[in-house]
Amino acid sequence: APVWARPLLLKVLLWAVLLALFAELELGLPYFVLSLLYWMYAGTRGPAERQRGELSAYSVFNPGCGPIPGTLTAEQLERELLYRPAAGGR
């Protein structure tokens, strides 16, 4: 596909041109910060967009507050720290 037909490239170029324009108006930093806030908002998914059976990274949003597989719990950390023999064995 031609370069001008790629939407992401066009969006990045438009953002860069607008950044240059706002920088010329001495409003570059607010434009950049607002852009970052928008990208954080646009990059997150709402609960409605989650697929069936997909768990949230935050256990309070999962059924029964269950953690995702591989989560290090306080109990597991305590078990590993308190009952593990010292390194070197001396």
Protein backbone atom coordinates (compact mmCIF):
# COMPACT_ATOMS: atom_id res chain seq x y z
CA ALA A 1 0.00 0.00 0.00
CA PRO A 2 1.22 3.52 -0.67
CA VAL A 3 2.71 5.46 2.22
CA TRP A 4 -0.14 8.00 2.25
CA ALA A 5 -2.70 5.19 2.65
CA ARG A 6 -1.40 4.07 6.05
CA PRO A 7 -3.65 5.59 8.74
CA LEU A 8 -1.16 5.23 11.61
CA LEU A 9 1.58 7.01 9.68
CA LEU A 10 -0.81 9.81 8.75
CA LYS A 11 -1.90 10.20 12.37
CA VAL A 12 1.70 10.38 13.58
CA LEU A 13 2.57 12.95 10.92
CA LEU A 14 -0.49 15.04 11.79
CA TRP A 15 0.42 14.87 15.49
CA ALA A 16 4.00 15.95 14.73
CA VAL A 17 2.83 18.88 12.59
CA LEU A 18 0.41 19.97 15.31
CA LEU A 19 3.18 19.63 17.91
CA ALA A 20 5.40 21.91 15.83
CA LEU A 21 2.54 24.40 15.46
CA PHE A 22 1.78 24.42 19.19
CA ALA A 23 5.50 24.66 19.99
CA GLU A 24 5.67 27.74 17.78
CA LEU A 25 2.77 29.18 19.79
CA GLU A 26 4.67 28.26 23.00
CA LEU A 27 2.03 25.68 23.87
CA GLY A 28 4.09 22.61 22.97
CA LEU A 29 4.33 21.16 26.48
CA PRO A 30 0.57 21.34 27.24
CA TYR A 31 -0.15 19.79 23.82
CA PHE A 32 2.32 16.98 24.54
CA VAL A 33 0.92 16.31 28.04
CA LEU A 34 -2.67 16.31 26.81
CA SER A 35 -1.63 13.97 24.00
CA LEU A 36 -0.13 11.56 26.54
CA LEU A 37 -3.30 11.65 28.64
CA TYR A 38 -5.41 10.97 25.55
CA TRP A 39 -3.19 8.05 24.51
CA MET A 40 -3.45 6.52 27.98
CA TYR A 41 -7.24 6.87 27.87
CA ALA A 42 -7.55 5.53 24.32
CA GLY A 43 -5.18 2.65 25.05
CA THR A 44 -7.22 1.20 27.90
CA ARG A 45 -10.10 -1.16 27.37
CA GLY A 46 -13.35 -1.03 29.24
CA PRO A 47 -14.92 -4.08 30.91
CA ALA A 48 -17.35 -4.47 28.01
CA GLU A 49 -14.44 -5.08 25.62
CA ARG A 50 -13.08 -7.99 27.66
CA GLN A 51 -13.58 -11.40 26.09
CA ARG A 52 -15.65 -14.04 27.85
CA GLY A 53 -13.56 -15.79 30.51
CA GLU A 54 -10.71 -13.28 30.32
CA LEU A 55 -9.45 -12.27 33.76
CA SER A 56 -8.53 -8.75 34.80
CA ALA A 57 -5.01 -8.00 36.02
CA TYR A 58 -6.68 -6.53 39.12
CA SER A 59 -8.09 -9.38 41.19
CA VAL A 60 -10.87 -7.24 42.70
CA PHE A 61 -12.54 -7.18 39.27
CA ASN A 62 -12.44 -10.97 38.81
CA PRO A 63 -15.20 -13.32 39.96
CA GLY A 64 -14.52 -14.22 43.59
CA CYS A 65 -11.55 -11.81 43.60
CA GLY A 66 -9.40 -14.56 42.09
CA PRO A 67 -5.86 -13.66 40.99
CA ILE A 68 -4.55 -14.31 37.50
CA PRO A 69 -2.22 -17.30 37.07
CA GLY A 70 1.36 -16.50 38.06
CA THR A 71 0.47 -13.83 40.60
CA LEU A 72 2.86 -13.70 43.55
CA THR A 73 0.80 -13.66 46.73
CA ALA A 74 1.95 -12.44 50.13
CA GLU A 75 1.57 -15.96 51.51
CA GLN A 76 3.76 -17.43 48.78
CA LEU A 77 6.42 -14.75 49.26
CA GLU A 78 6.41 -15.29 53.01
CA ARG A 79 6.71 -19.07 52.54
CA GLU A 80 9.63 -18.66 50.15
CA LEU A 81 11.48 -16.14 52.32
CA LEU A 82 10.97 -17.75 55.73
CA TYR A 83 11.39 -21.45 54.95
CA ARG A 84 14.10 -21.31 52.31
CA PRO A 85 17.58 -22.40 53.47
CA ALA A 86 20.31 -19.77 53.34
CA ALA A 87 22.43 -19.64 50.20
CA GLY A 88 25.71 -21.56 50.52
CA GLY A 89 24.42 -23.89 53.26
CA ARG A 90 26.90 -22.75 55.94
